[in-house]
């Protein structure tokens, strides 16, 4: 390792232009996809729609805080025998909820 002082390059805390540009481009792509999300989900099977909704939930709802191990409740087991049909406007509502977060 060299013992010379750093004299060039970006200063600490300076944002990387490439990263900002990539984030902006990805945000535009995702926003465009959100506009067609309801149509896309309507062509999927109920199981596929449920899988997509489950994957999108962490971006809309905050995760609960972890309890200390001594305070944790026993694990809850849920068994679903038959999936109920999804609300017909659910994809549209999810898209509207996600749009403001992506524009930040």
N, C-alpha and C. Protein backbone atom coordinates (compact mmCIF):
# COMPACT_ATOMS: atom_id res chain seq x y z
N UNK A 1 0.84 -1.17 0.00
CA UNK A 1 0.00 0.00 0.00
C UNK A 1 0.89 1.24 0.00
N UNK A 2 0.51 2.24 -0.74
CA UNK A 2 1.30 3.46 -0.87
C UNK A 2 1.09 4.36 0.34
N UNK A 3 2.12 5.09 0.72
CA UNK A 3 2.02 5.99 1.87
C UNK A 3 1.72 7.42 1.43
N UNK A 4 1.48 7.63 0.12
CA UNK A 4 1.18 8.97 -0.37
C UNK A 4 -0.25 9.37 -0.04
N UNK A 5 -0.47 10.67 0.08
CA UNK A 5 -1.81 11.19 0.33
C UNK A 5 -2.63 11.19 -0.96
N UNK A 6 -3.91 11.05 -0.80
CA UNK A 6 -4.82 11.10 -1.95
C UNK A 6 -4.93 12.56 -2.39
N UNK A 7 -4.70 12.81 -3.69
CA UNK A 7 -4.73 14.19 -4.17
C UNK A 7 -5.78 14.43 -5.25
N UNK A 8 -6.38 13.39 -5.81
CA UNK A 8 -7.34 13.58 -6.90
C UNK A 8 -8.59 12.75 -6.70
N UNK A 9 -9.42 12.76 -7.70
CA UNK A 9 -10.65 11.97 -7.65
C UNK A 9 -11.78 12.72 -6.98
N UNK A 10 -12.89 12.00 -6.81
CA UNK A 10 -14.05 12.63 -6.17
C UNK A 10 -13.81 12.78 -4.68
N UNK A 11 -14.42 13.80 -4.11
CA UNK A 11 -14.35 13.98 -2.66
C UNK A 11 -15.39 13.06 -2.02
N UNK A 12 -15.16 12.71 -0.77
CA UNK A 12 -16.07 11.83 -0.05
C UNK A 12 -17.47 12.44 -0.04
N UNK A 13 -18.48 11.61 -0.32
CA UNK A 13 -19.86 12.08 -0.29
C UNK A 13 -20.38 12.62 -1.61
N UNK A 14 -19.50 12.79 -2.60
CA UNK A 14 -19.92 13.28 -3.91
C UNK A 14 -20.65 12.15 -4.63
N UNK A 15 -21.90 12.40 -5.09
CA UNK A 15 -22.63 11.32 -5.76
C UNK A 15 -22.00 10.94 -7.09
N UNK A 16 -22.11 9.69 -7.43
CA UNK A 16 -21.60 9.16 -8.67
C UNK A 16 -22.61 9.49 -9.78
N UNK A 17 -22.18 10.19 -10.84
CA UNK A 17 -23.08 10.60 -11.92
C UNK A 17 -23.68 9.40 -12.64
N UNK A 18 -22.88 8.39 -12.87
CA UNK A 18 -23.36 7.21 -13.60
C UNK A 18 -24.47 6.53 -12.81
N UNK A 19 -24.30 6.38 -11.52
CA UNK A 19 -25.32 5.74 -10.69
C UNK A 19 -26.61 6.54 -10.73
N UNK A 20 -26.52 7.86 -10.64
CA UNK A 20 -27.71 8.71 -10.69
C UNK A 20 -28.41 8.58 -12.03
N UNK A 21 -27.65 8.53 -13.12
CA UNK A 21 -28.24 8.40 -14.45
C UNK A 21 -28.93 7.05 -14.62
N UNK A 22 -28.30 5.99 -14.14
CA UNK A 22 -28.89 4.65 -14.25
C UNK A 22 -30.18 4.59 -13.42
N UNK A 23 -30.16 5.16 -12.22
CA UNK A 23 -31.38 5.16 -11.39
C UNK A 23 -32.50 5.91 -12.08
N UNK A 24 -32.19 7.02 -12.69
CA UNK A 24 -33.20 7.83 -13.38
C UNK A 24 -33.79 7.04 -14.56
N UNK A 25 -32.93 6.37 -15.33
CA UNK A 25 -33.41 5.57 -16.46
C UNK A 25 -34.28 4.41 -15.98
N UNK A 26 -33.84 3.72 -14.93
CA UNK A 26 -34.63 2.60 -14.40
C UNK A 26 -35.96 3.08 -13.85
N UNK A 27 -35.97 4.23 -13.21
CA UNK A 27 -37.21 4.79 -12.69
C UNK A 27 -38.19 5.06 -13.81
N UNK A 28 -37.71 5.59 -14.94
CA UNK A 28 -38.57 5.86 -16.09
C UNK A 28 -39.14 4.55 -16.65
N UNK A 29 -38.31 3.52 -16.73
CA UNK A 29 -38.77 2.22 -17.25
C UNK A 29 -39.83 1.64 -16.33
N UNK A 30 -39.59 1.69 -15.02
CA UNK A 30 -40.54 1.12 -14.06
C UNK A 30 -41.85 1.90 -14.10
N UNK A 31 -41.78 3.22 -14.18
CA UNK A 31 -43.01 4.03 -14.25
C UNK A 31 -43.82 3.67 -15.50
N UNK A 32 -43.15 3.46 -16.61
CA UNK A 32 -43.85 3.07 -17.84
C UNK A 32 -44.51 1.70 -17.67
N UNK A 33 -43.83 0.79 -17.00
CA UNK A 33 -44.40 -0.53 -16.77
C UNK A 33 -45.57 -0.48 -15.81
N UNK A 34 -45.54 0.43 -14.85
CA UNK A 34 -46.65 0.54 -13.91
C UNK A 34 -47.94 0.93 -14.63
N UNK A 35 -47.81 1.72 -15.68
CA UNK A 35 -48.99 2.11 -16.44
C UNK A 35 -49.66 0.91 -17.09
N UNK A 36 -48.89 -0.10 -17.45
CA UNK A 36 -49.47 -1.29 -18.10
C UNK A 36 -49.57 -2.48 -17.15
N UNK A 37 -49.30 -2.26 -15.86
CA UNK A 37 -49.30 -3.35 -14.89
C UNK A 37 -50.66 -4.04 -14.80
N UNK A 38 -51.73 -3.28 -14.75
CA UNK A 38 -53.06 -3.88 -14.62
C UNK A 38 -53.37 -4.78 -15.81
N UNK A 39 -53.05 -4.32 -17.02
CA UNK A 39 -53.29 -5.15 -18.21
C UNK A 39 -52.45 -6.42 -18.18
N UNK A 40 -51.19 -6.27 -17.76
CA UNK A 40 -50.29 -7.42 -17.70
C UNK A 40 -50.79 -8.44 -16.68
N UNK A 41 -51.17 -7.97 -15.50
CA UNK A 41 -51.64 -8.88 -14.46
C UNK A 41 -52.95 -9.57 -14.85
N UNK A 42 -53.80 -8.89 -15.60
CA UNK A 42 -55.08 -9.49 -15.98
C UNK A 42 -54.89 -10.68 -16.93
N UNK A 43 -53.74 -10.76 -17.59
CA UNK A 43 -53.49 -11.90 -18.49
C UNK A 43 -52.88 -13.09 -17.76
N UNK A 44 -52.53 -12.92 -16.49
CA UNK A 44 -51.87 -13.99 -15.72
C UNK A 44 -52.89 -14.84 -14.97
N UNK A 45 -52.43 -16.02 -14.57
CA UNK A 45 -53.26 -16.89 -13.76
C UNK A 45 -53.34 -16.30 -12.34
N UNK A 46 -54.33 -16.71 -11.54
CA UNK A 46 -54.43 -16.20 -10.17
C UNK A 46 -53.16 -16.46 -9.35
N UNK A 47 -52.53 -17.61 -9.54
CA UNK A 47 -51.31 -17.93 -8.79
C UNK A 47 -50.17 -16.99 -9.18
N UNK A 48 -50.05 -16.70 -10.47
CA UNK A 48 -49.00 -15.78 -10.92
C UNK A 48 -49.24 -14.36 -10.40
N UNK A 49 -50.52 -13.93 -10.44
CA UNK A 49 -50.85 -12.59 -9.92
C UNK A 49 -50.53 -12.49 -8.45
N UNK A 50 -50.88 -13.53 -7.68
CA UNK A 50 -50.61 -13.53 -6.25
C UNK A 50 -49.11 -13.45 -5.99
N UNK A 51 -48.32 -14.18 -6.77
CA UNK A 51 -46.87 -14.15 -6.64
C UNK A 51 -46.31 -12.74 -6.89
N UNK A 52 -46.81 -12.07 -7.92
CA UNK A 52 -46.36 -10.71 -8.23
C UNK A 52 -46.75 -9.76 -7.11
N UNK A 53 -47.99 -9.85 -6.63
CA UNK A 53 -48.46 -8.97 -5.55
C UNK A 53 -47.61 -9.18 -4.30
N UNK A 54 -47.31 -10.42 -3.97
CA UNK A 54 -46.48 -10.71 -2.80
C UNK A 54 -45.09 -10.09 -2.96
N UNK A 55 -44.55 -10.13 -4.16
CA UNK A 55 -43.23 -9.53 -4.39
C UNK A 55 -43.25 -8.00 -4.33
N UNK A 56 -44.40 -7.39 -4.66
CA UNK A 56 -44.50 -5.92 -4.65
C UNK A 56 -44.81 -5.36 -3.26
N UNK A 57 -45.39 -6.16 -2.39
CA UNK A 57 -45.79 -5.67 -1.08
C UNK A 57 -44.65 -5.00 -0.30
N UNK A 58 -43.43 -5.55 -0.26
CA UNK A 58 -42.37 -4.89 0.51
C UNK A 58 -42.05 -3.47 0.04
N UNK A 59 -42.40 -3.13 -1.19
CA UNK A 59 -42.14 -1.78 -1.70
C UNK A 59 -43.26 -0.81 -1.34
N UNK A 60 -44.36 -1.33 -0.80
CA UNK A 60 -45.50 -0.49 -0.45
C UNK A 60 -45.69 -0.43 1.06
N UNK A 61 -45.55 -1.56 1.73
CA UNK A 61 -45.75 -1.63 3.18
C UNK A 61 -44.41 -1.79 3.89
N UNK A 62 -44.22 -1.07 5.00
CA UNK A 62 -42.96 -1.23 5.75
C UNK A 62 -42.92 -2.59 6.45
N UNK A 63 -41.72 -3.11 6.63
CA UNK A 63 -41.56 -4.37 7.35
C UNK A 63 -41.70 -4.09 8.84
N UNK A 64 -42.33 -5.00 9.59
CA UNK A 64 -42.45 -4.79 11.04
C UNK A 64 -41.09 -4.93 11.71
N UNK A 65 -40.93 -4.22 12.82
CA UNK A 65 -39.68 -4.30 13.58
C UNK A 65 -39.58 -5.67 14.23
N UNK A 66 -38.36 -6.19 14.30
CA UNK A 66 -38.13 -7.48 14.94
C UNK A 66 -38.23 -7.34 16.45
N UNK A 67 -38.86 -8.31 17.09
CA UNK A 67 -38.92 -8.32 18.55
C UNK A 67 -37.67 -9.02 19.08
N UNK A 68 -37.35 -8.76 20.35
CA UNK A 68 -36.26 -9.48 20.97
C UNK A 68 -36.66 -10.95 21.06
N UNK A 69 -35.67 -11.81 21.03
CA UNK A 69 -35.95 -13.24 20.97
C UNK A 69 -36.81 -13.70 22.14
N UNK A 70 -36.62 -13.12 23.34
CA UNK A 70 -37.40 -13.54 24.50
C UNK A 70 -38.86 -13.12 24.38
N UNK A 71 -39.15 -12.10 23.55
CA UNK A 71 -40.51 -11.61 23.39
C UNK A 71 -41.21 -12.19 22.17
N UNK A 72 -40.50 -12.96 21.37
CA UNK A 72 -41.10 -13.46 20.13
C UNK A 72 -42.20 -14.47 20.42
N UNK A 73 -43.24 -14.38 19.63
CA UNK A 73 -44.33 -15.32 19.74
C UNK A 73 -43.98 -16.57 18.94
N UNK A 74 -44.62 -17.68 19.24
CA UNK A 74 -44.33 -18.88 18.45
C UNK A 74 -44.68 -18.65 16.98
N UNK A 75 -44.00 -19.36 16.11
CA UNK A 75 -44.21 -19.20 14.67
C UNK A 75 -45.66 -19.53 14.32
N UNK A 76 -46.23 -18.70 13.47
CA UNK A 76 -47.60 -18.89 13.02
C UNK A 76 -47.58 -19.64 11.70
N UNK A 77 -48.34 -20.70 11.62
CA UNK A 77 -48.40 -21.46 10.37
C UNK A 77 -49.77 -21.26 9.75
N UNK A 78 -49.78 -20.90 8.47
CA UNK A 78 -51.01 -20.67 7.74
C UNK A 78 -51.05 -21.64 6.57
N UNK A 79 -52.16 -22.29 6.41
CA UNK A 79 -52.31 -23.21 5.30
C UNK A 79 -53.47 -22.70 4.44
N UNK A 80 -53.18 -22.43 3.16
CA UNK A 80 -54.20 -21.97 2.22
C UNK A 80 -54.59 -23.14 1.35
N UNK A 81 -55.87 -23.48 1.41
CA UNK A 81 -56.34 -24.61 0.61
C UNK A 81 -56.79 -24.15 -0.77
N UNK A 82 -57.36 -22.97 -0.84
CA UNK A 82 -57.82 -22.46 -2.13
C UNK A 82 -57.65 -20.95 -2.11
N UNK A 83 -56.95 -20.42 -3.09
CA UNK A 83 -56.74 -18.98 -3.15
C UNK A 83 -58.02 -18.30 -3.61
N UNK A 84 -58.38 -17.22 -2.90
CA UNK A 84 -59.56 -16.44 -3.28
C UNK A 84 -59.20 -15.59 -4.49
N UNK A 85 -60.18 -15.26 -5.33
CA UNK A 85 -59.87 -14.40 -6.48
C UNK A 85 -59.42 -13.01 -6.02
N UNK A 86 -58.46 -12.46 -6.72
CA UNK A 86 -57.96 -11.13 -6.38
C UNK A 86 -58.99 -10.08 -6.74
N UNK A 87 -58.95 -9.00 -5.97
CA UNK A 87 -59.81 -7.86 -6.28
C UNK A 87 -59.49 -7.40 -7.70
N UNK A 88 -60.49 -7.09 -8.49
CA UNK A 88 -60.24 -6.79 -9.90
C UNK A 88 -59.43 -5.53 -10.09
N UNK A 89 -59.54 -4.55 -9.21
CA UNK A 89 -58.81 -3.30 -9.38
C UNK A 89 -57.52 -3.27 -8.57
N UNK A 90 -57.15 -4.38 -7.95
CA UNK A 90 -55.94 -4.40 -7.12
C UNK A 90 -54.69 -4.00 -7.88
N UNK A 91 -54.42 -4.49 -9.09
CA UNK A 91 -53.20 -4.08 -9.81
C UNK A 91 -53.16 -2.57 -10.05
N UNK A 92 -54.30 -1.99 -10.40
CA UNK A 92 -54.33 -0.54 -10.62
C UNK A 92 -54.05 0.24 -9.35
N UNK A 93 -54.60 -0.24 -8.23
CA UNK A 93 -54.35 0.44 -6.95
C UNK A 93 -52.89 0.30 -6.54
N UNK A 94 -52.29 -0.88 -6.78
CA UNK A 94 -50.87 -1.06 -6.47
C UNK A 94 -50.00 -0.13 -7.32
N UNK A 95 -50.34 -0.02 -8.59
CA UNK A 95 -49.58 0.86 -9.48
C UNK A 95 -49.64 2.29 -8.99
N UNK A 96 -50.81 2.75 -8.57
CA UNK A 96 -50.94 4.12 -8.08
C UNK A 96 -50.16 4.33 -6.79
N UNK A 97 -50.09 3.30 -5.94
CA UNK A 97 -49.34 3.42 -4.68
C UNK A 97 -47.83 3.44 -4.93
N UNK A 98 -47.36 2.74 -5.95
CA UNK A 98 -45.93 2.64 -6.22
C UNK A 98 -45.38 3.85 -6.97
N UNK A 99 -46.20 4.52 -7.79
CA UNK A 99 -45.72 5.63 -8.61
C UNK A 99 -45.01 6.72 -7.79
N UNK A 100 -45.60 7.23 -6.70
CA UNK A 100 -44.91 8.30 -5.95
C UNK A 100 -43.56 7.86 -5.38
N UNK A 101 -43.44 6.60 -4.98
CA UNK A 101 -42.18 6.13 -4.43
C UNK A 101 -41.09 6.08 -5.47
N UNK A 102 -41.45 5.78 -6.71
CA UNK A 102 -40.46 5.67 -7.78
C UNK A 102 -40.01 7.03 -8.30
N UNK A 103 -40.83 8.04 -8.11
CA UNK A 103 -40.48 9.38 -8.60
C UNK A 103 -39.57 10.12 -7.63
N UNK A 104 -39.32 9.55 -6.44
CA UNK A 104 -38.47 10.20 -5.44
C UNK A 104 -37.02 10.13 -5.81
